Amino acid sequence: MPRDPRAMVFIGIKNSVIALDEKTGAEVWRVELKSMSFVYVIWDGQSVYATNAGEIWRIDPERGSVIWRNELKGLGRGFASLASSRAPGAQPGLDLVAEMARQAAAAAAAASG
């Protein structure tokens, strides 16, 4: 079942990417990658990206399914770093959440006097 990725923690360890519920620490999903080497992970507000043994994966943060994988042929199997061109504030749904908070605050202020 899909979960809100804003309420999860993403971990890269051994040959896996694991999503944990931020409140309980319970495992939500796990994706096994190619190698037992170091796994580097980022979440850019829309997708989870992982690199391991010279390859990169895009992972659906809600379901843990692999969207695509690129073997980065000809570049070796060393460490790779990741970055995204998405602006940190460009996360889906954040404008709606902020508007709901503004409306709730306005309603609370009106109710109190």
PDB file of N, CA and C in Angstrom:
ATOM      1  N   MET A   1       0.841  -1.182   0.000  1.00  0.00           N
ATOM      2  CA  MET A   1       0.000   0.000   0.000  1.00  0.00           C
ATOM      3  C   MET A   1       0.886   1.245   0.000  1.00  0.00           C
ATOM      4  N   PRO A   2       0.600   2.234  -0.850  1.00  0.00           N
ATOM      5  CA  PRO A   2       1.408   3.444  -0.900  1.00  0.00           C
ATOM      6  C   PRO A   2       1.389   4.203   0.425  1.00  0.00           C
ATOM      7  N   ARG A   3       2.530   4.763   0.769  1.00  0.00           N
ATOM      8  CA  ARG A   3       2.665   5.555   2.002  1.00  0.00           C
ATOM      9  C   ARG A   3       3.207   6.928   1.643  1.00  0.00           C
ATOM     10  N   ASP A   4       2.964   7.909   2.486  1.00  0.00           N
ATOM     11  CA  ASP A   4       3.456   9.257   2.267  1.00  0.00           C
ATOM     12  C   ASP A   4       4.964   9.277   2.506  1.00  0.00           C
ATOM     13  N   PRO A   5       5.765   9.549   1.467  1.00  0.00           N
ATOM     14  CA  PRO A   5       7.218   9.528   1.640  1.00  0.00           C
ATOM     15  C   PRO A   5       7.730  10.612   2.580  1.00  0.00           C
ATOM     16  N   ARG A   6       6.927  11.646   2.832  1.00  0.00           N
ATOM     17  CA  ARG A   6       7.358  12.695   3.766  1.00  0.00           C
ATOM     18  C   ARG A   6       7.340  12.203   5.207  1.00  0.00           C
ATOM     19  N   ALA A   7       6.764  11.020   5.447  1.00  0.00           N
ATOM     20  CA  ALA A   7       6.710  10.446   6.788  1.00  0.00           C
ATOM     21  C   ALA A   7       7.611   9.214   6.883  1.00  0.00           C
ATOM     22  N   MET A   8       8.623   9.154   6.015  1.00  0.00           N
ATOM     23  CA  MET A   8       9.539   8.016   6.015  1.00  0.00           C
ATOM     24  C   MET A   8      10.986   8.491   6.063  1.00  0.00           C
ATOM     25  N   VAL A   9      11.841   7.589   6.489  1.00  0.00           N
ATOM     26  CA  VAL A   9      13.282   7.792   6.484  1.00  0.00           C
ATOM     27  C   VAL A   9      13.863   6.760   5.523  1.00  0.00           C
ATOM     28  N   PHE A  10      14.744   7.201   4.627  1.00  0.00           N
ATOM     29  CA  PHE A  10      15.332   6.305   3.625  1.00  0.00           C
ATOM     30  C   PHE A  10      16.782   6.031   3.992  1.00  0.00           C
ATOM     31  N   ILE A  11      17.143   4.751   4.020  1.00  0.00           N
ATOM     32  CA  ILE A  11      18.471   4.322   4.439  1.00  0.00           C
ATOM     33  C   ILE A  11      19.114   3.488   3.350  1.00  0.00           C
ATOM     34  N   GLY A  12      20.385   3.751   3.088  1.00  0.00           N
ATOM     35  CA  GLY A  12      21.160   2.901   2.203  1.00  0.00           C
ATOM     36  C   GLY A  12      22.129   2.099   3.050  1.00  0.00           C
ATOM     37  N   ILE A  13      22.082   0.791   2.971  1.00  0.00           N
ATOM     38  CA  ILE A  13      22.971  -0.065   3.764  1.00  0.00           C
ATOM     39  C   ILE A  13      23.220  -1.369   3.012  1.00  0.00           C
ATOM     40  N   LYS A  14      24.438  -1.819   3.090  1.00  0.00           N
ATOM     41  CA  LYS A  14      24.854  -3.034   2.402  1.00  0.00           C
ATOM     42  C   LYS A  14      24.426  -2.970   0.954  1.00  0.00           C
ATOM     43  N   ASN A  15      23.571  -3.843   0.503  1.00  0.00           N
ATOM     44  CA  ASN A  15      23.110  -3.803  -0.888  1.00  0.00           C
ATOM     45  C   ASN A  15      21.634  -3.424  -0.977  1.00  0.00           C
ATOM     46  N   SER A  16      21.146  -2.638  -0.024  1.00  0.00           N
ATOM     47  CA  SER A  16      19.717  -2.350   0.037  1.00  0.00           C
ATOM     48  C   SER A  16      19.409  -0.883   0.280  1.00  0.00           C
ATOM     49  N   VAL A  17      18.214  -0.484  -0.159  1.00  0.00           N
ATOM     50  CA  VAL A  17      17.603   0.770   0.253  1.00  0.00           C
ATOM     51  C   VAL A  17      16.369   0.368   1.053  1.00  0.00           C
ATOM     52  N   ILE A  18      16.241   0.940   2.231  1.00  0.00           N
ATOM     53  CA  ILE A  18      15.147   0.578   3.131  1.00  0.00           C
ATOM     54  C   ILE A  18      14.400   1.846   3.518  1.00  0.00           C
ATOM     55  N   ALA A  19      13.065   1.796   3.499  1.00  0.00           N
ATOM     56  CA  ALA A  19      12.226   2.892   3.965  1.00  0.00           C
ATOM     57  C   ALA A  19      11.658   2.501   5.324  1.00  0.00           C
ATOM     58  N   LEU A  20      11.813   3.401   6.290  1.00  0.00           N
ATOM     59  CA  LEU A  20      11.273   3.181   7.628  1.00  0.00           C
ATOM     60  C   LEU A  20      10.227   4.242   7.936  1.00  0.00           C
ATOM     61  N   ASP A  21       9.198   3.866   8.671  1.00  0.00           N
ATOM     62  CA  ASP A  21       8.222   4.826   9.172  1.00  0.00           C
ATOM     63  C   ASP A  21       8.940   5.713  10.180  1.00  0.00           C
ATOM     64  N   GLU A  22       8.862   7.038  10.008  1.00  0.00           N
ATOM     65  CA  GLU A  22       9.617   7.938  10.865  1.00  0.00           C
ATOM     66  C   GLU A  22       9.154   7.929  12.324  1.00  0.00           C
ATOM     67  N   LYS A  23       7.904   7.569  12.569  1.00  0.00           N
ATOM     68  CA  LYS A  23       7.391   7.578  13.939  1.00  0.00           C
ATOM     69  C   LYS A  23       7.684   6.282  14.692  1.00  0.00           C
ATOM     70  N   THR A  24       7.559   5.148  14.001  1.00  0.00           N
ATOM     71  CA  THR A  24       7.688   3.859  14.687  1.00  0.00           C
ATOM     72  C   THR A  24       9.004   3.147  14.412  1.00  0.00           C
ATOM     73  N   GLY A  25       9.680   3.518  13.309  1.00  0.00           N
ATOM     74  CA  GLY A  25      10.896   2.809  12.911  1.00  0.00           C
ATOM     75  C   GLY A  25      10.609   1.507  12.189  1.00  0.00           C
ATOM     76  N   ALA A  26       9.331   1.199  11.958  1.00  0.00           N
ATOM     77  CA  ALA A  26       8.971  -0.044  11.275  1.00  0.00           C
ATOM     78  C   ALA A  26       9.367   0.035   9.796  1.00  0.00           C
ATOM     79  N   GLU A  27       9.827  -1.093   9.265  1.00  0.00           N
ATOM     80  CA  GLU A  27      10.189  -1.147   7.856  1.00  0.00           C
ATOM     81  C   GLU A  27       8.932  -1.092   6.999  1.00  0.00           C
ATOM     82  N   VAL A  28       8.945  -0.191   5.996  1.00  0.00           N
ATOM     83  CA  VAL A  28       7.826  -0.033   5.077  1.00  0.00           C
ATOM     84  C   VAL A  28       8.095  -0.828   3.803  1.00  0.00           C
ATOM     85  N   TRP A  29       9.311  -0.705   3.261  1.00  0.00           N
ATOM     86  CA  TRP A  29       9.713  -1.481   2.091  1.00  0.00           C
ATOM     87  C   TRP A  29      11.231  -1.594   2.046  1.00  0.00           C
ATOM     88  N   ARG A  30      11.683  -2.510   1.189  1.00  0.00           N
ATOM     89  CA  ARG A  30      13.116  -2.750   1.002  1.00  0.00           C
ATOM     90  C   ARG A  30      13.358  -3.104  -0.462  1.00  0.00           C
ATOM     91  N   VAL A  31      14.418  -2.519  -1.034  1.00  0.00           N
ATOM     92  CA  VAL A  31      14.838  -2.825  -2.400  1.00  0.00           C
ATOM     93  C   VAL A  31      16.281  -3.292  -2.340  1.00  0.00           C
ATOM     94  N   GLU A  32      16.543  -4.460  -2.918  1.00  0.00           N
ATOM     95  CA  GLU A  32      17.918  -4.959  -2.969  1.00  0.00           C
ATOM     96  C   GLU A  32      18.570  -4.518  -4.271  1.00  0.00           C
ATOM     97  N   LEU A  33      19.788  -4.003  -4.156  1.00  0.00           N
ATOM     98  CA  LEU A  33      20.547  -3.536  -5.299  1.00  0.00           C
ATOM     99  C   LEU A  33      21.553  -4.595  -5.718  1.00  0.00           C
ATOM    100  N   LYS A  34      22.519  -4.213  -6.522  1.00  0.00           N
ATOM    101  CA  LYS A  34      23.409  -5.184  -7.138  1.00  0.00           C
ATOM    102  C   LYS A  34      24.517  -5.716  -6.233  1.00  0.00           C
ATOM    103  N   SER A  35      25.158  -4.855  -5.494  1.00  0.00           N
ATOM    104  CA  SER A  35      26.407  -5.212  -4.832  1.00  0.00           C
ATOM    105  C   SER A  35      26.304  -5.059  -3.320  1.00  0.00           C
ATOM    106  N   MET A  36      27.225  -5.655  -2.612  1.00  0.00           N
ATOM    107  CA  MET A  36      27.293  -5.527  -1.162  1.00  0.00           C
ATOM    108  C   MET A  36      28.057  -4.269  -0.751  1.00  0.00           C
ATOM    109  N   SER A  37      28.387  -3.400  -1.706  1.00  0.00           N
ATOM    110  CA  SER A  37      29.169  -2.214  -1.375  1.00  0.00           C
ATOM    111  C   SER A  37      28.275  -1.092  -0.837  1.00  0.00           C
ATOM    112  N   PHE A  38      28.892   0.025  -0.506  1.00  0.00           N
ATOM    113  CA  PHE A  38      28.225   1.201   0.044  1.00  0.00           C
ATOM    114  C   PHE A  38      27.066   1.655  -0.837  1.00  0.00           C
ATOM    115  N   VAL A  39      25.956   2.055  -0.218  1.00  0.00           N
ATOM    116  CA  VAL A  39      24.785   2.562  -0.934  1.00  0.00           C
ATOM    117  C   VAL A  39      24.568   4.013  -0.521  1.00  0.00           C
ATOM    118  N   TYR A  40      24.553   4.914  -1.498  1.00  0.00           N
ATOM    119  CA  TYR A  40      24.296   6.317  -1.264  1.00  0.00           C
ATOM    120  C   TYR A  40      22.875   6.611  -1.719  1.00  0.00           C
ATOM    121  N   VAL A  41      22.076   7.331  -0.895  1.00  0.00           N
ATOM    122  CA  VAL A  41      20.659   7.543  -1.172  1.00  0.00           C
ATOM    123  C   VAL A  41      20.314   9.021  -1.012  1.00  0.00           C
ATOM    124  N   ILE A  42      19.457   9.531  -1.919  1.00  0.00           N
ATOM    125  CA  ILE A  42      18.855  10.854  -1.729  1.00  0.00           C
ATOM    126  C   ILE A  42      17.372  10.760  -2.037  1.00  0.00           C
ATOM    127  N   TRP A  43      16.606  11.641  -1.422  1.00  0.00           N
ATOM    128  CA  TRP A  43      15.199  11.849  -1.754  1.00  0.00           C
ATOM    129  C   TRP A  43      15.068  13.319  -2.092  1.00  0.00           C
ATOM    130  N   ASP A  44      14.593  13.633  -3.280  1.00  0.00           N
ATOM    131  CA  ASP A  44      14.528  15.030  -3.724  1.00  0.00           C
ATOM    132  C   ASP A  44      13.130  15.627  -3.605  1.00  0.00           C
ATOM    133  N   GLY A  45      12.278  14.985  -2.834  1.00  0.00           N
ATOM    134  CA  GLY A  45      10.918  15.463  -2.675  1.00  0.00           C
ATOM    135  C   GLY A  45       9.938  14.783  -3.607  1.00  0.00           C
ATOM    136  N   GLN A  46      10.465  14.026  -4.558  1.00  0.00           N
ATOM    137  CA  GLN A  46       9.595  13.315  -5.499  1.00  0.00           C
ATOM    138  C   GLN A  46      10.032  11.867  -5.691  1.00  0.00           C
ATOM    139  N   SER A  47      11.317  11.629  -5.764  1.00  0.00           N
ATOM    140  CA  SER A  47      11.843  10.282  -6.002  1.00  0.00           C
ATOM    141  C   SER A  47      12.995   9.977  -5.062  1.00  0.00           C
ATOM    142  N   VAL A  48      13.227   8.693  -4.866  1.00  0.00           N
ATOM    143  CA  VAL A  48      14.417   8.228  -4.150  1.00  0.00           C
ATOM    144  C   VAL A  48      15.403   7.769  -5.212  1.00  0.00           C
ATOM    145  N   TYR A  49      16.644   8.205  -5.090  1.00  0.00           N
ATOM    146  CA  TYR A  49      17.712   7.765  -5.986  1.00  0.00           C
ATOM    147  C   TYR A  49      18.771   7.086  -5.138  1.00  0.00           C
ATOM    148  N   ALA A  50      19.323   6.003  -5.656  1.00  0.00           N
ATOM    149  CA  ALA A  50      20.371   5.282  -4.949  1.00  0.00           C
ATOM    150  C   ALA A  50      21.482   4.949  -5.925  1.00  0.00           C
ATOM    151  N   THR A  51      22.707   4.992  -5.432  1.00  0.00           N
ATOM    152  CA  THR A  51      23.835   4.565  -6.236  1.00  0.00           C
ATOM    153  C   THR A  51      24.608   3.517  -5.453  1.00  0.00           C
ATOM    154  N   ASN A  52      25.080   2.512  -6.194  1.00  0.00           N
ATOM    155  CA  ASN A  52      25.752   1.373  -5.578  1.00  0.00           C
ATOM    156  C   ASN A  52      26.589   0.693  -6.650  1.00  0.00           C
ATOM    157  N   ALA A  53      27.855   0.484  -6.371  1.00  0.00           N
ATOM    158  CA  ALA A  53      28.748  -0.246  -7.281  1.00  0.00           C
ATOM    159  C   ALA A  53      28.738   0.333  -8.694  1.00  0.00           C
ATOM    160  N   GLY A  54      28.732   1.674  -8.791  1.00  0.00           N
ATOM    161  CA  GLY A  54      28.805   2.315 -10.091  1.00  0.00           C
ATOM    162  C   GLY A  54      27.520   2.311 -10.887  1.00  0.00           C
ATOM    163  N   GLU A  55      26.386   2.011 -10.280  1.00  0.00           N
ATOM    164  CA  GLU A  55      25.090   2.032 -10.950  1.00  0.00           C
ATOM    165  C   GLU A  55      24.161   2.966 -10.192  1.00  0.00           C
ATOM    166  N   ILE A  56      23.075   3.398 -10.857  1.00  0.00           N
ATOM    167  CA  ILE A  56      22.094   4.261 -10.207  1.00  0.00           C
ATOM    168  C   ILE A  56      20.690   3.704 -10.433  1.00  0.00           C
ATOM    169  N   TRP A  57      19.852   3.859  -9.408  1.00  0.00           N
ATOM    170  CA  TRP A  57      18.455   3.422  -9.455  1.00  0.00           C
ATOM    171  C   TRP A  57      17.565   4.591  -9.097  1.00  0.00           C
ATOM    172  N   ARG A  58      16.390   4.660  -9.746  1.00  0.00           N
ATOM    173  CA  ARG A  58      15.319   5.558  -9.314  1.00  0.00           C
ATOM    174  C   ARG A  58      14.245   4.664  -8.722  1.00  0.00           C
ATOM    175  N   ILE A  59      13.837   4.970  -7.490  1.00  0.00           N
ATOM    176  CA  ILE A  59      12.909   4.121  -6.742  1.00  0.00           C
ATOM    177  C   ILE A  59      11.673   4.931  -6.363  1.00  0.00           C
ATOM    178  N   ASP A  60      10.505   4.327  -6.540  1.00  0.00           N
ATOM    179  CA  ASP A  60       9.249   4.958  -6.127  1.00  0.00           C
ATOM    180  C   ASP A  60       9.247   5.028  -4.598  1.00  0.00           C
ATOM    181  N   PRO A  61       9.200   6.231  -4.005  1.00  0.00           N
ATOM    182  CA  PRO A  61       9.305   6.335  -2.547  1.00  0.00           C
ATOM    183  C   PRO A  61       8.083   5.814  -1.794  1.00  0.00           C
ATOM    184  N   GLU A  62       6.933   5.721  -2.463  1.00  0.00           N
ATOM    185  CA  GLU A  62       5.726   5.241  -1.798  1.00  0.00           C
ATOM    186  C   GLU A  62       5.660   3.723  -1.756  1.00  0.00           C
ATOM    187  N   ARG A  63       6.107   3.070  -2.820  1.00  0.00           N
ATOM    188  CA  ARG A  63       5.934   1.620  -2.959  1.00  0.00           C
ATOM    189  C   ARG A  63       7.234   0.827  -2.871  1.00  0.00           C
ATOM    190  N   GLY A  64       8.354   1.487  -3.113  1.00  0.00           N
ATOM    191  CA  GLY A  64       9.625   0.768  -3.100  1.00  0.00           C
ATOM    192  C   GLY A  64       9.905   0.010  -4.377  1.00  0.00           C
ATOM    193  N   SER A  65       9.201   0.330  -5.442  1.00  0.00           N
ATOM    194  CA  SER A  65       9.459  -0.353  -6.712  1.00  0.00           C
ATOM    195  C   SER A  65      10.510   0.421  -7.513  1.00  0.00           C
ATOM    196  N   VAL A  66      11.332  -0.319  -8.260  1.00  0.00           N
ATOM    197  CA  VAL A  66      12.356   0.300  -9.085  1.00  0.00           C
ATOM    198  C   VAL A  66      11.688   0.877 -10.328  1.00  0.00           C
ATOM    199  N   ILE A  67      11.877   2.174 -10.555  1.00  0.00           N
ATOM    200  CA  ILE A  67      11.321   2.845 -11.733  1.00  0.00           C
ATOM    201  C   ILE A  67      12.264   2.653 -12.911  1.00  0.00           C
ATOM    202  N   TRP A  68      13.562   2.853 -12.674  1.00  0.00           N
ATOM    203  CA  TRP A  68      14.575   2.562 -13.687  1.00  0.00           C
ATOM    204  C   TRP A  68      15.922   2.345 -13.033  1.00  0.00           C
ATOM    205  N   ARG A  69      16.816   1.770 -13.815  1.00  0.00           N
ATOM    206  CA  ARG A  69      18.187   1.482 -13.378  1.00  0.00           C
ATOM    207  C   ARG A  69      19.115   1.805 -14.542  1.00  0.00           C
ATOM    208  N   ASN A  70      20.246   2.435 -14.247  1.00  0.00           N
ATOM    209  CA  ASN A  70      21.235   2.747 -15.271  1.00  0.00           C
ATOM    210  C   ASN A  70      22.575   2.193 -14.798  1.00  0.00           C
ATOM    211  N   GLU A  71      23.184   1.350 -15.620  1.00  0.00           N
ATOM    212  CA  GLU A  71      24.447   0.702 -15.251  1.00  0.00           C
ATOM    213  C   GLU A  71      25.657   1.622 -15.417  1.00  0.00           C
ATOM    214  N   LEU A  72      25.470   2.813 -15.987  1.00  0.00           N
ATOM    215  CA  LEU A  72      26.558   3.773 -16.191  1.00  0.00           C
ATOM    216  C   LEU A  72      27.769   3.088 -16.818  1.00  0.00           C
ATOM    217  N   LYS A  73      27.503   2.388 -17.893  1.00  0.00           N
ATOM    218  CA  LYS A  73      28.526   1.586 -18.576  1.00  0.00           C
ATOM    219  C   LYS A  73      29.777   2.390 -18.899  1.00  0.00           C
ATOM    220  N   GLY A  74      30.910   1.754 -18.696  1.00  0.00           N
ATOM    221  CA  GLY A  74      32.198   2.336 -19.017  1.00  0.00           C
ATOM    222  C   GLY A  74      32.760   3.258 -17.950  1.00  0.00           C
ATOM    223  N   LEU A  75      32.061   3.415 -16.819  1.00  0.00           N
ATOM    224  CA  LEU A  75      32.523   4.333 -15.783  1.00  0.00           C
ATOM    225  C   LEU A  75      33.086   3.620 -14.553  1.00  0.00           C
ATOM    226  N   GLY A  76      33.144   2.325 -14.571  1.00  0.00           N
ATOM    227  CA  GLY A  76      33.711   1.596 -13.439  1.00  0.00           C
ATOM    228  C   GLY A  76      32.698   1.312 -12.348  1.00  0.00           C
ATOM    229  N   ARG A  77      33.189   0.776 -11.260  1.00  0.00           N
ATOM    230  CA  ARG A  77      32.330   0.353 -10.144  1.00  0.00           C
ATOM    231  C   ARG A  77      32.611   1.123  -8.862  1.00  0.00           C
ATOM    232  N   GLY A  78      33.211   2.296  -8.951  1.00  0.00           N
ATOM    233  CA  GLY A  78      33.554   3.057  -7.751  1.00  0.00           C
ATOM    234  C   GLY A  78      32.374   3.797  -7.155  1.00  0.00           C
ATOM    235  N   PHE A  79      32.688   4.625  -6.151  1.00  0.00           N
ATOM    236  CA  PHE A  79      31.672   5.450  -5.506  1.00  0.00           C
ATOM    237  C   PHE A  79      31.135   6.476  -6.494  1.00  0.00           C
ATOM    238  N   ALA A  80      29.868   6.807  -6.360  1.00  0.00           N
ATOM    239  CA  ALA A  80      29.255   7.868  -7.151  1.00  0.00           C
ATOM    240  C   ALA A  80      28.467   8.749  -6.192  1.00  0.00           C
ATOM    241  N   SER A  81      28.360  10.018  -6.515  1.00  0.00           N
ATOM    242  CA  SER A  81      27.536  10.919  -5.709  1.00  0.00           C
ATOM    243  C   SER A  81      26.304  11.291  -6.511  1.00  0.00           C
ATOM    244  N   LEU A  82      25.292  11.801  -5.831  1.00  0.00           N
ATOM    245  CA  LEU A  82      24.018  12.130  -6.467  1.00  0.00           C
ATOM    246  C   LEU A  82      23.613  13.560  -6.138  1.00  0.00           C
ATOM    247  N   ALA A  83      22.893  14.176  -7.046  1.00  0.00           N
ATOM    248  CA  ALA A  83      22.257  15.476  -6.825  1.00  0.00           C
ATOM    249  C   ALA A  83      21.036  15.526  -7.725  1.00  0.00           C
ATOM    250  N   SER A  84      20.100  16.396  -7.406  1.00  0.00           N
ATOM    251  CA  SER A  84      18.898  16.552  -8.219  1.00  0.00           C
ATOM    252  C   SER A  84      18.724  18.022  -8.555  1.00  0.00           C
ATOM    253  N   SER A  85      18.146  18.295  -9.701  1.00  0.00           N
ATOM    254  CA  SER A  85      17.902  19.678 -10.100  1.00  0.00           C
ATOM    255  C   SER A  85      16.611  20.224  -9.502  1.00  0.00           C
ATOM    256  N   ARG A  86      15.846  19.393  -8.807  1.00  0.00           N
ATOM    257  CA  ARG A  86      14.611  19.880  -8.189  1.00  0.00           C
ATOM    258  C   ARG A  86      14.944  20.779  -7.011  1.00  0.00           C
ATOM    259  N   ALA A  87      14.217  21.871  -6.905  1.00  0.00           N
ATOM    260  CA  ALA A  87      14.400  22.775  -5.772  1.00  0.00           C
ATOM    261  C   ALA A  87      13.833  22.115  -4.526  1.00  0.00           C
ATOM    262  N   PRO A  88      14.520  22.226  -3.380  1.00  0.00           N
ATOM    263  CA  PRO A  88      14.014  21.585  -2.160  1.00  0.00           C
ATOM    264  C   PRO A  88      12.592  21.981  -1.806  1.00  0.00           C
ATOM    265  N   GLY A  89      12.172  23.199  -2.107  1.00  0.00           N
ATOM    266  CA  GLY A  89      10.821  23.639  -1.789  1.00  0.00           C
ATOM    267  C   GLY A  89       9.779  23.186  -2.800  1.00  0.00           C
ATOM    268  N   ALA A  90      10.200  22.500  -3.859  1.00  0.00           N
ATOM    269  CA  ALA A  90       9.274  22.105  -4.918  1.00  0.00           C
ATOM    270  C   ALA A  90       8.686  20.721  -4.679  1.00  0.00           C
ATOM    271  N   GLN A  91       8.478  20.374  -3.435  1.00  0.00           N
ATOM    272  CA  GLN A  91       7.958  19.058  -3.112  1.00  0.00           C
ATOM    273  C   GLN A  91       6.449  19.022  -3.317  1.00  0.00           C
ATOM    274  N   PRO A  92       5.940  17.961  -3.936  1.00  0.00           N
ATOM    275  CA  PRO A  92       4.508  17.874  -4.210  1.00  0.00           C
ATOM    276  C   PRO A  92       3.690  17.960  -2.930  1.00  0.00           C
ATOM    277  N   GLY A  93       2.631  18.733  -2.971  1.00  0.00           N
ATOM    278  CA  GLY A  93       1.704  18.789  -1.846  1.00  0.00           C
ATOM    279  C   GLY A  93       2.046  19.800  -0.770  1.00  0.00           C
ATOM    280  N   LEU A  94       3.246  20.369  -0.778  1.00  0.00           N
ATOM    281  CA  LEU A  94       3.609  21.274   0.307  1.00  0.00           C
ATOM    282  C   LEU A  94       2.801  22.558   0.273  1.00  0.00           C
ATOM    283  N   ASP A  95       2.468  23.079  -0.904  1.00  0.00           N
ATOM    284  CA  ASP A  95       1.643  24.282  -0.983  1.00  0.00           C
ATOM    285  C   ASP A  95       0.273  24.021  -0.390  1.00  0.00           C
ATOM    286  N   LEU A  96      -0.294  22.854  -0.665  1.00  0.00           N
ATOM    287  CA  LEU A  96      -1.594  22.488  -0.120  1.00  0.00           C
ATOM    288  C   LEU A  96      -1.526  22.377   1.405  1.00  0.00           C
ATOM    289  N   VAL A  97      -0.485  21.762   1.929  1.00  0.00           N
ATOM    290  CA  VAL A  97      -0.324  21.617   3.382  1.00  0.00           C
ATOM    291  C   VAL A  97      -0.209  22.994   4.033  1.00  0.00           C
ATOM    292  N   ALA A  98       0.571  23.899   3.431  1.00  0.00           N
ATOM    293  CA  ALA A  98       0.728  25.248   3.978  1.00  0.00           C
ATOM    294  C   ALA A  98      -0.597  25.996   3.957  1.00  0.00           C
ATOM    295  N   GLU A  99      -1.360  25.866   2.887  1.00  0.00           N
ATOM    296  CA  GLU A  99      -2.660  26.535   2.800  1.00  0.00           C
ATOM    297  C   GLU A  99      -3.625  25.984   3.845  1.00  0.00           C
ATOM    298  N   MET A 100      -3.624  24.669   4.056  1.00  0.00           N
ATOM    299  CA  MET A 100      -4.489  24.071   5.073  1.00  0.00           C
ATOM    300  C   MET A 100      -4.113  24.589   6.461  1.00  0.00           C
ATOM    301  N   ALA A 101      -2.822  24.741   6.734  1.00  0.00           N
ATOM    302  CA  ALA A 101      -2.370  25.263   8.026  1.00  0.00           C
ATOM    303  C   ALA A 101      -2.815  26.710   8.205  1.00  0.00           C
ATOM    304  N   ARG A 102      -2.715  27.517   7.139  1.00  0.00           N
ATOM    305  CA  ARG A 102      -3.172  28.917   7.214  1.00  0.00           C
ATOM    306  C   ARG A 102      -4.675  28.983   7.506  1.00  0.00           C
ATOM    307  N   GLN A 103      -5.451  28.136   6.837  1.00  0.00           N
ATOM    308  CA  GLN A 103      -6.895  28.126   7.045  1.00  0.00           C
ATOM    309  C   GLN A 103      -7.249  27.695   8.468  1.00  0.00           C
ATOM    310  N   ALA A 104      -6.550  26.700   8.986  1.00  0.00           N
ATOM    311  CA  ALA A 104      -6.805  26.229  10.350  1.00  0.00           C
ATOM    312  C   ALA A 104      -6.465  27.312  11.364  1.00  0.00           C
ATOM    313  N   ALA A 105      -5.356  28.022  11.145  1.00  0.00           N
ATOM    314  CA  ALA A 105      -4.967  29.101  12.053  1.00  0.00           C
ATOM    315  C   ALA A 105      -5.996  30.232  12.012  1.00  0.00           C
ATOM    316  N   ALA A 106      -6.485  30.574  10.814  1.00  0.00           N
ATOM    317  CA  ALA A 106      -7.491  31.630  10.675  1.00  0.00           C
ATOM    318  C   ALA A 106      -8.794  31.227  11.379  1.00  0.00           C
ATOM    319  N   ALA A 107      -9.189  29.974  11.218  1.00  0.00           N
ATOM    320  CA  ALA A 107     -10.406  29.487  11.865  1.00  0.00           C
ATOM    321  C   ALA A 107     -10.263  29.496  13.380  1.00  0.00           C
ATOM    322  N   ALA A 108      -9.090  29.114  13.876  1.00  0.00           N
ATOM    323  CA  ALA A 108      -8.846  29.103  15.327  1.00  0.00           C
ATOM    324  C   ALA A 108      -8.868  30.537  15.875  1.00  0.00           C
ATOM    325  N   ALA A 109      -8.280  31.467  15.137  1.00  0.00           N
ATOM    326  CA  ALA A 109      -8.277  32.868  15.571  1.00  0.00           C
ATOM    327  C   ALA A 109      -9.687  33.436  15.586  1.00  0.00           C
ATOM    328  N   ALA A 110     -10.489  33.089  14.576  1.00  0.00           N
ATOM    329  CA  ALA A 110     -11.867  33.579  14.519  1.00  0.00           C
ATOM    330  C   ALA A 110     -12.716  32.988  15.646  1.00  0.00           C
ATOM    331  N   ALA A 111     -12.469  31.733  15.997  1.00  0.00           N
ATOM    332  CA  ALA A 111     -13.229  31.068  17.047  1.00  0.00           C
ATOM    333  C   ALA A 111     -12.892  31.599  18.439  1.00  0.00           C
ATOM    334  N   SER A 112     -11.665  32.090  18.606  1.00  0.00           N
ATOM    335  CA  SER A 112     -11.247  32.543  19.938  1.00  0.00           C
ATOM    336  C   SER A 112     -11.582  34.015  20.177  1.00  0.00           C
ATOM    337  N   GLY A 113     -12.122  34.665  19.207  1.00  0.00           N
ATOM    338  CA  GLY A 113     -12.517  35.984  19.569  1.00  0.00           C
ATOM    339  C   GLY A 113     -12.450  37.001  18.568  1.00  0.00           C
TER     340      GLY A 113
END
